[in-house]
């Protein structure tokens, strides 16, 4: 039966059980959120299971079969992690199903950093803008996400709406009635409250080059956060082709940053901001295709509700966009 040691605690795993599920079942606290391998909150480091670099790796080939299988299980749980993190043995506990004994440790200072809240502002009844100051410079791209960790280990991931040149990190938090982190940020946290941040992660960001390729940015709710950052980053880097940003909400009350986006459009002749609401314009994807038509040659970024993102990605592809030109960030709900 697989055995896991983590940060001084130990437990037995059931057959086919993930490291995260086993630790939580035994009452061992581990930061986590989506439990689907997307948010990165449950990342930890394998102390004694070096991931194989390639099939011809002689060091791995010399390991006993049990250790080779363990290293392979860690490797399989490294999807989406940075190469430097993978090389150091970091893995996602929610994806790892070891077949032998595994010793793991919490992530280190190379992954997590101290930060503090510097501003809290309501943008709508259900959206809170949170600005953070990191204790050390953070190398990120607008549109990536970071994980925010409260002092008790509660973790949630949020997209970055700010530019790397800004003096603080900007996050847009959807305040949910039962949201443990969002309610804490909206009701209890104060300017100066210390937290930790982990990351950045994600590949939904603007890459310079092909400045004459039109861009489509479309998102619902707080899916605007990464798009707000991506749009400004593209314009900052001199993107010449049209940049169309569509933000969808159920009603006009769900739209936000309208004044700032209108100012951005006034300052850049190639930027278009299109707010849409379900009650006035119908589904956002229909509004986008109605306004833009065929999308052959376009680069697209789609963010927000997972069901909407997946369906819209398919429609963008069918409208002519190349699959490798469609970037998405689906906001998976937390599992707890």
C-alpha atoms as a PDB file:
ATOM      1  CA  UNK A   1       0.000   0.000   0.000  1.00  0.00           C
ATOM      2  CA  UNK A   2       1.423   3.434  -0.921  1.00  0.00           C
ATOM      3  CA  UNK A   3       2.811   5.457   1.979  1.00  0.00           C
ATOM      4  CA  UNK A   4       3.243   9.232   2.039  1.00  0.00           C
ATOM      5  CA  UNK A   5       5.252  11.407   4.409  1.00  0.00           C
ATOM      6  CA  UNK A   6       4.613  15.142   4.218  1.00  0.00           C
ATOM      7  CA  UNK A   7       5.990  17.895   6.442  1.00  0.00           C
ATOM      8  CA  UNK A   8       6.393  15.614   9.474  1.00  0.00           C
ATOM      9  CA  UNK A   9       3.081  13.759   9.030  1.00  0.00           C
ATOM     10  CA  UNK A  10       2.512  10.365   7.443  1.00  0.00           C
ATOM     11  CA  UNK A  11      -0.372   8.312   6.097  1.00  0.00           C
ATOM     12  CA  UNK A  12      -1.251   5.284   4.020  1.00  0.00           C
ATOM     13  CA  UNK A  13      -2.952   5.831   0.662  1.00  0.00           C
ATOM     14  CA  UNK A  14      -5.684   3.667  -0.763  1.00  0.00           C
ATOM     15  CA  UNK A  15      -5.057   2.065  -4.139  1.00  0.00           C
ATOM     16  CA  UNK A  16      -5.424   4.683  -6.853  1.00  0.00           C
ATOM     17  CA  UNK A  17      -5.796   7.536  -4.347  1.00  0.00           C
ATOM     18  CA  UNK A  18      -4.027  10.829  -4.946  1.00  0.00           C
ATOM     19  CA  UNK A  19      -1.524  12.243  -2.491  1.00  0.00           C
ATOM     20  CA  UNK A  20      -3.819  15.204  -1.813  1.00  0.00           C
ATOM     21  CA  UNK A  21      -6.924  13.110  -1.166  1.00  0.00           C
ATOM     22  CA  UNK A  22      -5.016  10.767   1.125  1.00  0.00           C
ATOM     23  CA  UNK A  23      -3.497  13.543   3.199  1.00  0.00           C
ATOM     24  CA  UNK A  24      -6.825  15.357   3.529  1.00  0.00           C
ATOM     25  CA  UNK A  25      -8.604  12.120   4.455  1.00  0.00           C
ATOM     26  CA  UNK A  26      -6.178  11.767   7.362  1.00  0.00           C
ATOM     27  CA  UNK A  27      -6.760  15.346   8.499  1.00  0.00           C
ATOM     28  CA  UNK A  28      -3.378  16.615   7.302  1.00  0.00           C
ATOM     29  CA  UNK A  29      -3.617  20.241   6.164  1.00  0.00           C
ATOM     30  CA  UNK A  30      -2.487  20.870   2.582  1.00  0.00           C
ATOM     31  CA  UNK A  31      -3.202  24.070   0.619  1.00  0.00           C
ATOM     32  CA  UNK A  32      -5.566  23.245  -2.243  1.00  0.00           C
ATOM     33  CA  UNK A  33      -8.456  24.629  -4.283  1.00  0.00           C
ATOM     34  CA  UNK A  34      -9.561  23.126  -7.619  1.00  0.00           C
ATOM     35  CA  UNK A  35      -8.308  19.546  -7.071  1.00  0.00           C
ATOM     36  CA  UNK A  36      -8.130  19.223 -10.862  1.00  0.00           C
ATOM     37  CA  UNK A  37      -4.510  20.115 -11.621  1.00  0.00           C
ATOM     38  CA  UNK A  38      -5.268  23.633 -12.816  1.00  0.00           C
ATOM     39  CA  UNK A  39      -4.678  26.084  -9.975  1.00  0.00           C
ATOM     40  CA  UNK A  40      -1.339  24.825  -8.642  1.00  0.00           C
ATOM     41  CA  UNK A  41      -2.363  25.413  -5.017  1.00  0.00           C
ATOM     42  CA  UNK A  42      -1.458  21.903  -3.867  1.00  0.00           C
ATOM     43  CA  UNK A  43       2.058  21.888  -5.311  1.00  0.00           C
ATOM     44  CA  UNK A  44       4.704  20.201  -3.170  1.00  0.00           C
ATOM     45  CA  UNK A  45       8.218  18.857  -3.659  1.00  0.00           C
ATOM     46  CA  UNK A  46       9.214  15.199  -3.904  1.00  0.00           C
ATOM     47  CA  UNK A  47      12.225  14.720  -1.646  1.00  0.00           C
ATOM     48  CA  UNK A  48      13.218  11.232  -2.748  1.00  0.00           C
ATOM     49  CA  UNK A  49      11.631  10.665  -6.163  1.00  0.00           C
ATOM     50  CA  UNK A  50      13.761  12.308  -8.818  1.00  0.00           C
ATOM     51  CA  UNK A  51      11.707  12.690 -12.011  1.00  0.00           C
ATOM     52  CA  UNK A  52      13.282  10.990 -15.029  1.00  0.00           C
ATOM     53  CA  UNK A  53      14.665  13.454 -17.574  1.00  0.00           C
ATOM     54  CA  UNK A  54      14.328  11.006 -20.473  1.00  0.00           C
ATOM     55  CA  UNK A  55      14.071   7.314 -21.170  1.00  0.00           C
ATOM     56  CA  UNK A  56      17.856   6.998 -21.557  1.00  0.00           C
ATOM     57  CA  UNK A  57      18.620   8.633 -18.206  1.00  0.00           C
ATOM     58  CA  UNK A  58      21.180   6.228 -16.720  1.00  0.00           C
ATOM     59  CA  UNK A  59      20.576   7.400 -13.153  1.00  0.00           C
ATOM     60  CA  UNK A  60      16.895   6.569 -13.472  1.00  0.00           C
ATOM     61  CA  UNK A  61      17.554   3.300 -15.273  1.00  0.00           C
ATOM     62  CA  UNK A  62      19.706   2.178 -12.331  1.00  0.00           C
ATOM     63  CA  UNK A  63      16.901   2.709  -9.820  1.00  0.00           C
ATOM     64  CA  UNK A  64      14.927  -0.251  -8.471  1.00  0.00           C
ATOM     65  CA  UNK A  65      11.618  -0.805 -10.217  1.00  0.00           C
ATOM     66  CA  UNK A  66       9.646   0.669  -7.292  1.00  0.00           C
ATOM     67  CA  UNK A  67      11.683   3.884  -7.365  1.00  0.00           C
ATOM     68  CA  UNK A  68      11.368   4.146 -11.137  1.00  0.00           C
ATOM     69  CA  UNK A  69       7.577   3.809 -10.867  1.00  0.00           C
ATOM     70  CA  UNK A  70       7.526   6.433  -8.115  1.00  0.00           C
ATOM     71  CA  UNK A  71       9.572   8.847 -10.214  1.00  0.00           C
ATOM     72  CA  UNK A  72       7.200   8.252 -13.126  1.00  0.00           C
ATOM     73  CA  UNK A  73       4.178   9.009 -10.904  1.00  0.00           C
ATOM     74  CA  UNK A  74       5.751  12.317  -9.877  1.00  0.00           C
ATOM     75  CA  UNK A  75       6.510  13.179 -13.496  1.00  0.00           C
ATOM     76  CA  UNK A  76       2.902  12.470 -14.489  1.00  0.00           C
ATOM     77  CA  UNK A  77       1.790  14.988 -11.835  1.00  0.00           C
ATOM     78  CA  UNK A  78       3.935  17.816 -13.186  1.00  0.00           C
ATOM     79  CA  UNK A  79       1.625  18.899 -16.013  1.00  0.00           C
ATOM     80  CA  UNK A  80       1.819  22.629 -16.662  1.00  0.00           C
ATOM     81  CA  UNK A  81       4.634  23.351 -14.210  1.00  0.00           C
ATOM     82  CA  UNK A  82       7.651  25.420 -15.172  1.00  0.00           C
ATOM     83  CA  UNK A  83      10.684  23.390 -16.343  1.00  0.00           C
ATOM     84  CA  UNK A  84      12.739  24.699 -13.409  1.00  0.00           C
ATOM     85  CA  UNK A  85      10.074  23.529 -10.963  1.00  0.00           C
ATOM     86  CA  UNK A  86       9.823  20.111 -12.611  1.00  0.00           C
ATOM     87  CA  UNK A  87      13.599  19.671 -12.436  1.00  0.00           C
ATOM     88  CA  UNK A  88      13.509  20.312  -8.675  1.00  0.00           C
ATOM     89  CA  UNK A  89      10.863  17.642  -8.129  1.00  0.00           C
ATOM     90  CA  UNK A  90       7.810  19.849  -7.668  1.00  0.00           C
ATOM     91  CA  UNK A  91       4.497  18.156  -8.488  1.00  0.00           C
ATOM     92  CA  UNK A  92       0.748  18.619  -8.036  1.00  0.00           C
ATOM     93  CA  UNK A  93      -0.528  16.506  -5.165  1.00  0.00           C
ATOM     94  CA  UNK A  94      -4.037  16.346  -6.653  1.00  0.00           C
ATOM     95  CA  UNK A  95      -2.683  14.501  -9.695  1.00  0.00           C
ATOM     96  CA  UNK A  96      -0.061  12.247  -8.105  1.00  0.00           C
ATOM     97  CA  UNK A  97      -0.962   8.584  -7.504  1.00  0.00           C
ATOM     98  CA  UNK A  98       2.225   6.918  -6.223  1.00  0.00           C
ATOM     99  CA  UNK A  99       2.572   3.166  -6.156  1.00  0.00           C
ATOM    100  CA  UNK A 100       5.272   3.166  -3.472  1.00  0.00           C
ATOM    101  CA  UNK A 101       6.474   5.236  -0.542  1.00  0.00           C
ATOM    102  CA  UNK A 102       6.842   8.955  -1.179  1.00  0.00           C
ATOM    103  CA  UNK A 103       8.481  11.626   0.971  1.00  0.00           C
ATOM    104  CA  UNK A 104       7.302  15.127   0.120  1.00  0.00           C
ATOM    105  CA  UNK A 105       7.873  18.623   1.492  1.00  0.00           C
ATOM    106  CA  UNK A 106       6.100  21.986   1.195  1.00  0.00           C
ATOM    107  CA  UNK A 107       7.253  24.306  -1.556  1.00  0.00           C
ATOM    108  CA  UNK A 108      10.123  26.666  -0.815  1.00  0.00           C
ATOM    109  CA  UNK A 109      10.880  30.346  -1.203  1.00  0.00           C
ATOM    110  CA  UNK A 110      11.674  29.830  -4.894  1.00  0.00           C
ATOM    111  CA  UNK A 111       7.938  29.266  -5.457  1.00  0.00           C
ATOM    112  CA  UNK A 112       6.207  31.212  -2.668  1.00  0.00           C
ATOM    113  CA  UNK A 113       6.831  34.749  -1.514  1.00  0.00           C
ATOM    114  CA  UNK A 114       5.581  37.088   1.184  1.00  0.00           C
ATOM    115  CA  UNK A 115       3.148  39.815   0.174  1.00  0.00           C
ATOM    116  CA  UNK A 116       0.647  42.193   1.729  1.00  0.00           C
ATOM    117  CA  UNK A 117      -2.660  43.780   0.768  1.00  0.00           C
ATOM    118  CA  UNK A 118      -2.266  47.409  -0.255  1.00  0.00           C
ATOM    119  CA  UNK A 119      -5.786  48.210  -1.521  1.00  0.00           C
ATOM    120  CA  UNK A 120      -9.315  46.764  -1.508  1.00  0.00           C
ATOM    121  CA  UNK A 121     -11.993  48.283  -3.756  1.00  0.00           C
ATOM    122  CA  UNK A 122     -15.496  47.171  -4.714  1.00  0.00           C
ATOM    123  CA  UNK A 123     -15.958  47.338  -8.480  1.00  0.00           C
ATOM    124  CA  UNK A 124     -19.499  45.907  -8.365  1.00  0.00           C
ATOM    125  CA  UNK A 125     -21.617  44.261  -5.679  1.00  0.00           C
ATOM    126  CA  UNK A 126     -19.928  40.963  -6.474  1.00  0.00           C
ATOM    127  CA  UNK A 127     -16.449  41.952  -7.729  1.00  0.00           C
ATOM    128  CA  UNK A 128     -13.634  43.117  -5.465  1.00  0.00           C
ATOM    129  CA  UNK A 129     -10.401  44.604  -6.782  1.00  0.00           C
ATOM    130  CA  UNK A 130      -7.471  43.502  -4.624  1.00  0.00           C
ATOM    131  CA  UNK A 131      -4.029  45.054  -4.965  1.00  0.00           C
ATOM    132  CA  UNK A 132      -1.025  43.267  -3.491  1.00  0.00           C
ATOM    133  CA  UNK A 133       2.569  44.276  -2.909  1.00  0.00           C
ATOM    134  CA  UNK A 134       5.099  41.446  -3.122  1.00  0.00           C
ATOM    135  CA  UNK A 135       8.045  41.554  -0.741  1.00  0.00           C
ATOM    136  CA  UNK A 136      10.371  40.808  -3.676  1.00  0.00           C
ATOM    137  CA  UNK A 137      10.034  41.542  -7.400  1.00  0.00           C
ATOM    138  CA  UNK A 138       7.762  39.027  -9.149  1.00  0.00           C
ATOM    139  CA  UNK A 139       8.543  38.027 -12.734  1.00  0.00           C
ATOM    140  CA  UNK A 140       5.163  37.568 -14.428  1.00  0.00           C
ATOM    141  CA  UNK A 141       3.174  38.202 -17.604  1.00  0.00           C
ATOM    142  CA  UNK A 142      -0.196  39.959 -17.591  1.00  0.00           C
ATOM    143  CA  UNK A 143      -2.910  37.295 -17.821  1.00  0.00           C
ATOM    144  CA  UNK A 144      -1.063  34.644 -15.827  1.00  0.00           C
ATOM    145  CA  UNK A 145      -2.392  33.691 -12.395  1.00  0.00           C
ATOM    146  CA  UNK A 146      -1.038  33.522  -8.876  1.00  0.00           C
ATOM    147  CA  UNK A 147      -2.234  31.574  -5.879  1.00  0.00           C
ATOM    148  CA  UNK A 148      -3.053  33.588  -2.761  1.00  0.00           C
ATOM    149  CA  UNK A 149      -2.474  31.760   0.519  1.00  0.00           C
ATOM    150  CA  UNK A 150      -4.001  32.929   3.777  1.00  0.00           C
ATOM    151  CA  UNK A 151      -2.168  32.409   7.061  1.00  0.00           C
ATOM    152  CA  UNK A 152      -4.154  29.245   7.827  1.00  0.00           C
ATOM    153  CA  UNK A 153      -3.240  27.676   4.472  1.00  0.00           C
ATOM    154  CA  UNK A 154      -6.477  28.471   2.623  1.00  0.00           C
ATOM    155  CA  UNK A 155      -5.510  28.956  -1.034  1.00  0.00           C
ATOM    156  CA  UNK A 156      -7.228  30.376  -4.103  1.00  0.00           C
ATOM    157  CA  UNK A 157      -5.921  31.288  -7.546  1.00  0.00           C
ATOM    158  CA  UNK A 158      -6.627  34.581  -9.316  1.00  0.00           C
ATOM    159  CA  UNK A 159      -5.603  35.997 -12.692  1.00  0.00           C
ATOM    160  CA  UNK A 160      -3.285  38.992 -12.852  1.00  0.00           C
ATOM    161  CA  UNK A 161      -4.866  42.127 -14.327  1.00  0.00           C
ATOM    162  CA  UNK A 162      -1.866  44.395 -13.806  1.00  0.00           C
ATOM    163  CA  UNK A 163       1.159  45.075 -15.987  1.00  0.00           C
ATOM    164  CA  UNK A 164       4.669  43.971 -14.956  1.00  0.00           C
ATOM    165  CA  UNK A 165       5.580  47.667 -14.844  1.00  0.00           C
ATOM    166  CA  UNK A 166       2.860  48.470 -12.278  1.00  0.00           C
ATOM    167  CA  UNK A 167       3.796  48.987  -8.634  1.00  0.00           C
ATOM    168  CA  UNK A 168       1.300  46.400  -7.356  1.00  0.00           C
ATOM    169  CA  UNK A 169      -0.434  43.190  -8.420  1.00  0.00           C
ATOM    170  CA  UNK A 170      -4.074  43.664  -9.379  1.00  0.00           C
ATOM    171  CA  UNK A 171      -6.573  40.841  -8.913  1.00  0.00           C
ATOM    172  CA  UNK A 172     -10.341  40.790  -9.517  1.00  0.00           C
ATOM    173  CA  UNK A 173     -12.088  38.576  -6.970  1.00  0.00           C
ATOM    174  CA  UNK A 174     -15.634  37.356  -7.439  1.00  0.00           C
ATOM    175  CA  UNK A 175     -17.273  37.601  -4.025  1.00  0.00           C
ATOM    176  CA  UNK A 176     -19.377  34.490  -3.480  1.00  0.00           C
ATOM    177  CA  UNK A 177     -21.912  34.049  -0.649  1.00  0.00           C
ATOM    178  CA  UNK A 178     -20.120  30.895   0.549  1.00  0.00           C
ATOM    179  CA  UNK A 179     -16.663  31.810  -0.729  1.00  0.00           C
ATOM    180  CA  UNK A 180     -14.218  31.347   2.144  1.00  0.00           C
ATOM    181  CA  UNK A 181     -11.413  33.397   0.593  1.00  0.00           C
ATOM    182  CA  UNK A 182     -13.572  35.973  -1.181  1.00  0.00           C
ATOM    183  CA  UNK A 183     -15.692  36.636   1.903  1.00  0.00           C
ATOM    184  CA  UNK A 184     -12.551  36.990   4.010  1.00  0.00           C
ATOM    185  CA  UNK A 185     -11.067  39.470   1.540  1.00  0.00           C
ATOM    186  CA  UNK A 186     -14.328  41.408   1.309  1.00  0.00           C
ATOM    187  CA  UNK A 187     -15.208  41.464   5.008  1.00  0.00           C
ATOM    188  CA  UNK A 188     -12.213  40.766   7.224  1.00  0.00           C
ATOM    189  CA  UNK A 189      -8.931  41.488   5.453  1.00  0.00           C
ATOM    190  CA  UNK A 190      -7.520  44.977   5.697  1.00  0.00           C
ATOM    191  CA  UNK A 191      -4.817  47.040   4.030  1.00  0.00           C
ATOM    192  CA  UNK A 192      -1.542  45.771   5.451  1.00  0.00           C
ATOM    193  CA  UNK A 193      -2.790  42.209   6.043  1.00  0.00           C
ATOM    194  CA  UNK A 194       0.095  39.821   5.257  1.00  0.00           C
ATOM    195  CA  UNK A 195      -0.397  36.859   2.916  1.00  0.00           C
ATOM    196  CA  UNK A 196       1.718  34.571   0.752  1.00  0.00           C
ATOM    197  CA  UNK A 197       1.618  34.274  -3.004  1.00  0.00           C
ATOM    198  CA  UNK A 198       2.660  31.354  -5.190  1.00  0.00           C
ATOM    199  CA  UNK A 199       3.487  31.498  -8.871  1.00  0.00           C
ATOM    200  CA  UNK A 200       3.026  32.887 -11.384  1.00  0.00           C
ATOM    201  CA  UNK A 201       1.602  30.115 -13.560  1.00  0.00           C
ATOM    202  CA  UNK A 202      -0.367  29.805 -16.784  1.00  0.00           C
ATOM    203  CA  UNK A 203       0.265  30.474 -20.458  1.00  0.00           C
ATOM    204  CA  UNK A 204      -2.665  32.774 -21.284  1.00  0.00           C
ATOM    205  CA  UNK A 205      -0.705  35.946 -22.051  1.00  0.00           C
ATOM    206  CA  UNK A 206       0.339  38.136 -24.975  1.00  0.00           C
ATOM    207  CA  UNK A 207       3.504  37.205 -26.843  1.00  0.00           C
ATOM    208  CA  UNK A 208       5.186  39.856 -28.961  1.00  0.00           C
ATOM    209  CA  UNK A 209       5.436  39.222 -32.682  1.00  0.00           C
ATOM    210  CA  UNK A 210       2.840  39.149 -35.452  1.00  0.00           C
ATOM    211  CA  UNK A 211       1.870  42.699 -34.533  1.00  0.00           C
ATOM    212  CA  UNK A 212      -0.419  42.829 -37.592  1.00  0.00           C
ATOM    213  CA  UNK A 213      -2.533  39.870 -36.430  1.00  0.00           C
ATOM    214  CA  UNK A 214      -5.963  40.942 -35.101  1.00  0.00           C
ATOM    215  CA  UNK A 215      -6.694  39.961 -31.520  1.00  0.00           C
ATOM    216  CA  UNK A 216      -9.967  38.802 -29.986  1.00  0.00           C
ATOM    217  CA  UNK A 217     -10.249  38.981 -26.203  1.00  0.00           C
ATOM    218  CA  UNK A 218     -13.507  37.639 -24.767  1.00  0.00           C
ATOM    219  CA  UNK A 219     -14.505  36.869 -21.206  1.00  0.00           C
ATOM    220  CA  UNK A 220     -17.400  36.717 -18.784  1.00  0.00           C
ATOM    221  CA  UNK A 221     -17.497  37.982 -15.203  1.00  0.00           C
ATOM    222  CA  UNK A 222     -14.044  38.265 -13.640  1.00  0.00           C
ATOM    223  CA  UNK A 223     -12.689  36.689 -16.822  1.00  0.00           C
ATOM    224  CA  UNK A 224     -12.124  40.360 -17.619  1.00  0.00           C
ATOM    225  CA  UNK A 225      -9.128  40.410 -15.240  1.00  0.00           C
ATOM    226  CA  UNK A 226      -6.591  38.588 -17.460  1.00  0.00           C
ATOM    227  CA  UNK A 227      -8.019  40.228 -20.600  1.00  0.00           C
ATOM    228  CA  UNK A 228      -7.618  43.712 -19.098  1.00  0.00           C
ATOM    229  CA  UNK A 229      -3.959  42.930 -18.508  1.00  0.00           C
ATOM    230  CA  UNK A 230      -3.424  41.237 -21.875  1.00  0.00           C
ATOM    231  CA  UNK A 231      -5.006  44.115 -23.827  1.00  0.00           C
ATOM    232  CA  UNK A 232      -2.887  46.767 -22.139  1.00  0.00           C
ATOM    233  CA  UNK A 233       0.239  44.620 -22.467  1.00  0.00           C
ATOM    234  CA  UNK A 234      -0.331  44.149 -26.202  1.00  0.00           C
ATOM    235  CA  UNK A 235      -0.863  47.881 -26.721  1.00  0.00           C
ATOM    236  CA  UNK A 236       2.146  48.699 -24.546  1.00  0.00           C
ATOM    237  CA  UNK A 237       4.298  46.466 -26.738  1.00  0.00           C
ATOM    238  CA  UNK A 238       3.122  48.185 -29.912  1.00  0.00           C
ATOM    239  CA  UNK A 239       0.545  45.775 -31.312  1.00  0.00           C
ATOM    240  CA  UNK A 240      -0.700  47.433 -34.508  1.00  0.00           C
ATOM    241  CA  UNK A 241      -3.668  45.316 -35.613  1.00  0.00           C
ATOM    242  CA  UNK A 242      -7.170  45.708 -34.159  1.00  0.00           C
ATOM    243  CA  UNK A 243      -7.645  44.497 -30.582  1.00  0.00           C
ATOM    244  CA  UNK A 244     -11.284  43.700 -29.785  1.00  0.00           C
ATOM    245  CA  UNK A 245     -12.215  43.124 -26.133  1.00  0.00           C
ATOM    246  CA  UNK A 246     -15.680  41.711 -25.397  1.00  0.00           C
ATOM    247  CA  UNK A 247     -16.839  41.516 -21.790  1.00  0.00           C
ATOM    248  CA  UNK A 248     -20.037  39.615 -21.052  1.00  0.00           C
ATOM    249  CA  UNK A 249     -22.365  39.750 -18.050  1.00  0.00           C
ATOM    250  CA  UNK A 250     -25.930  38.721 -17.290  1.00  0.00           C
ATOM    251  CA  UNK A 251     -27.042  42.338 -16.866  1.00  0.00           C
ATOM    252  CA  UNK A 252     -25.431  45.785 -16.997  1.00  0.00           C
ATOM    253  CA  UNK A 253     -24.866  45.577 -13.228  1.00  0.00           C
ATOM    254  CA  UNK A 254     -22.271  42.873 -13.839  1.00  0.00           C
ATOM    255  CA  UNK A 255     -20.094  45.023 -16.101  1.00  0.00           C
ATOM    256  CA  UNK A 256     -17.152  46.866 -14.581  1.00  0.00           C
ATOM    257  CA  UNK A 257     -14.077  48.926 -15.531  1.00  0.00           C
ATOM    258  CA  UNK A 258     -16.184  50.453 -18.296  1.00  0.00           C
ATOM    259  CA  UNK A 259     -14.729  53.928 -17.825  1.00  0.00           C
ATOM    260  CA  UNK A 260     -11.130  52.694 -17.871  1.00  0.00           C
ATOM    261  CA  UNK A 261     -11.757  50.561 -20.948  1.00  0.00           C
ATOM    262  CA  UNK A 262     -13.448  53.466 -22.723  1.00  0.00           C
ATOM    263  CA  UNK A 263     -10.413  55.626 -21.926  1.00  0.00           C
ATOM    264  CA  UNK A 264      -8.145  52.924 -23.322  1.00  0.00           C
ATOM    265  CA  UNK A 265     -10.184  52.891 -26.532  1.00  0.00           C
ATOM    266  CA  UNK A 266      -9.953  56.696 -26.774  1.00  0.00           C
ATOM    267  CA  UNK A 267      -6.164  56.523 -26.384  1.00  0.00           C
ATOM    268  CA  UNK A 268      -5.602  53.720 -28.923  1.00  0.00           C
ATOM    269  CA  UNK A 269      -7.338  53.830 -32.299  1.00  0.00           C
ATOM    270  CA  UNK A 270      -6.887  50.075 -32.812  1.00  0.00           C
ATOM    271  CA  UNK A 271      -8.569  49.086 -29.526  1.00  0.00           C
ATOM    272  CA  UNK A 272     -12.288  48.313 -29.386  1.00  0.00           C
ATOM    273  CA  UNK A 273     -14.239  47.653 -26.200  1.00  0.00           C
ATOM    274  CA  UNK A 274     -17.579  45.853 -26.528  1.00  0.00           C
ATOM    275  CA  UNK A 275     -19.606  45.272 -23.339  1.00  0.00           C
ATOM    276  CA  UNK A 276     -22.386  42.711 -23.816  1.00  0.00           C
ATOM    277  CA  UNK A 277     -25.205  41.529 -21.591  1.00  0.00           C
ATOM    278  CA  UNK A 278     -27.306  38.422 -21.900  1.00  0.00           C
ATOM    279  CA  UNK A 279     -30.590  40.307 -21.548  1.00  0.00           C
ATOM    280  CA  UNK A 280     -29.743  42.900 -24.233  1.00  0.00           C
ATOM    281  CA  UNK A 281     -27.325  41.157 -26.628  1.00  0.00           C
ATOM    282  CA  UNK A 282     -27.882  37.445 -26.133  1.00  0.00           C
ATOM    283  CA  UNK A 283     -25.010  35.035 -25.391  1.00  0.00           C
ATOM    284  CA  UNK A 284     -21.594  36.690 -25.673  1.00  0.00           C
ATOM    285  CA  UNK A 285     -20.266  34.207 -28.240  1.00  0.00           C
ATOM    286  CA  UNK A 286     -23.129  35.048 -30.578  1.00  0.00           C
ATOM    287  CA  UNK A 287     -22.496  38.764 -30.114  1.00  0.00           C
ATOM    288  CA  UNK A 288     -18.801  38.295 -30.926  1.00  0.00           C
ATOM    289  CA  UNK A 289     -19.384  36.322 -34.117  1.00  0.00           C
ATOM    290  CA  UNK A 290     -22.157  38.686 -35.152  1.00  0.00           C
ATOM    291  CA  UNK A 291     -19.794  41.658 -34.904  1.00  0.00           C
ATOM    292  CA  UNK A 292     -16.599  40.081 -36.262  1.00  0.00           C
ATOM    293  CA  UNK A 293     -17.655  37.337 -38.658  1.00  0.00           C
ATOM    294  CA  UNK A 294     -14.965  34.883 -39.869  1.00  0.00           C
ATOM    295  CA  UNK A 295     -11.890  34.682 -37.623  1.00  0.00           C
ATOM    296  CA  UNK A 296      -9.304  33.181 -39.955  1.00  0.00           C
ATOM    297  CA  UNK A 297      -5.894  34.602 -39.080  1.00  0.00           C
ATOM    298  CA  UNK A 298      -6.983  35.914 -35.672  1.00  0.00           C
ATOM    299  CA  UNK A 299      -5.393  35.235 -32.284  1.00  0.00           C
ATOM    300  CA  UNK A 300      -7.943  34.721 -29.513  1.00  0.00           C
ATOM    301  CA  UNK A 301      -7.950  34.778 -25.721  1.00  0.00           C
ATOM    302  CA  UNK A 302     -11.027  33.429 -23.907  1.00  0.00           C
ATOM    303  CA  UNK A 303     -11.425  33.554 -20.123  1.00  0.00           C
ATOM    304  CA  UNK A 304     -14.089  32.928 -17.489  1.00  0.00           C
ATOM    305  CA  UNK A 305     -16.711  30.272 -16.818  1.00  0.00           C
ATOM    306  CA  UNK A 306     -15.387  26.815 -17.876  1.00  0.00           C
ATOM    307  CA  UNK A 307     -18.497  25.774 -19.817  1.00  0.00           C
ATOM    308  CA  UNK A 308     -18.600  29.050 -21.738  1.00  0.00           C
ATOM    309  CA  UNK A 309     -14.862  28.956 -22.414  1.00  0.00           C
ATOM    310  CA  UNK A 310     -14.902  25.409 -23.804  1.00  0.00           C
ATOM    311  CA  UNK A 311     -17.917  26.023 -26.024  1.00  0.00           C
ATOM    312  CA  UNK A 312     -16.564  29.340 -27.270  1.00  0.00           C
ATOM    313  CA  UNK A 313     -13.133  27.887 -28.085  1.00  0.00           C
ATOM    314  CA  UNK A 314     -14.832  25.423 -30.427  1.00  0.00           C
ATOM    315  CA  UNK A 315     -16.865  28.176 -32.114  1.00  0.00           C
ATOM    316  CA  UNK A 316     -13.767  30.315 -32.608  1.00  0.00           C
ATOM    317  CA  UNK A 317     -12.005  27.366 -34.214  1.00  0.00           C
ATOM    318  CA  UNK A 318     -14.980  26.672 -36.475  1.00  0.00           C
ATOM    319  CA  UNK A 319     -14.994  30.377 -37.403  1.00  0.00           C
ATOM    320  CA  UNK A 320     -11.507  29.945 -38.863  1.00  0.00           C
ATOM    321  CA  UNK A 321      -8.947  30.626 -36.118  1.00  0.00           C
ATOM    322  CA  UNK A 322      -6.016  28.196 -35.923  1.00  0.00           C
ATOM    323  CA  UNK A 323      -6.120  25.960 -32.852  1.00  0.00           C
ATOM    324  CA  UNK A 324      -2.670  27.074 -31.675  1.00  0.00           C
ATOM    325  CA  UNK A 325      -3.857  30.696 -31.851  1.00  0.00           C
ATOM    326  CA  UNK A 326      -6.650  30.115 -29.322  1.00  0.00           C
ATOM    327  CA  UNK A 327      -5.579  30.660 -25.711  1.00  0.00           C
ATOM    328  CA  UNK A 328      -7.931  29.996 -22.816  1.00  0.00           C
ATOM    329  CA  UNK A 329      -8.140  30.344 -19.062  1.00  0.00           C
ATOM    330  CA  UNK A 330     -11.134  28.526 -17.595  1.00  0.00           C
ATOM    331  CA  UNK A 331     -11.866  29.545 -13.988  1.00  0.00           C
ATOM    332  CA  UNK A 332     -12.469  26.248 -12.239  1.00  0.00           C
ATOM    333  CA  UNK A 333     -14.442  26.550  -8.987  1.00  0.00           C
ATOM    334  CA  UNK A 334     -12.740  25.546  -5.760  1.00  0.00           C
ATOM    335  CA  UNK A 335     -13.597  22.075  -4.490  1.00  0.00           C
ATOM    336  CA  UNK A 336     -13.936  23.231  -0.877  1.00  0.00           C
END
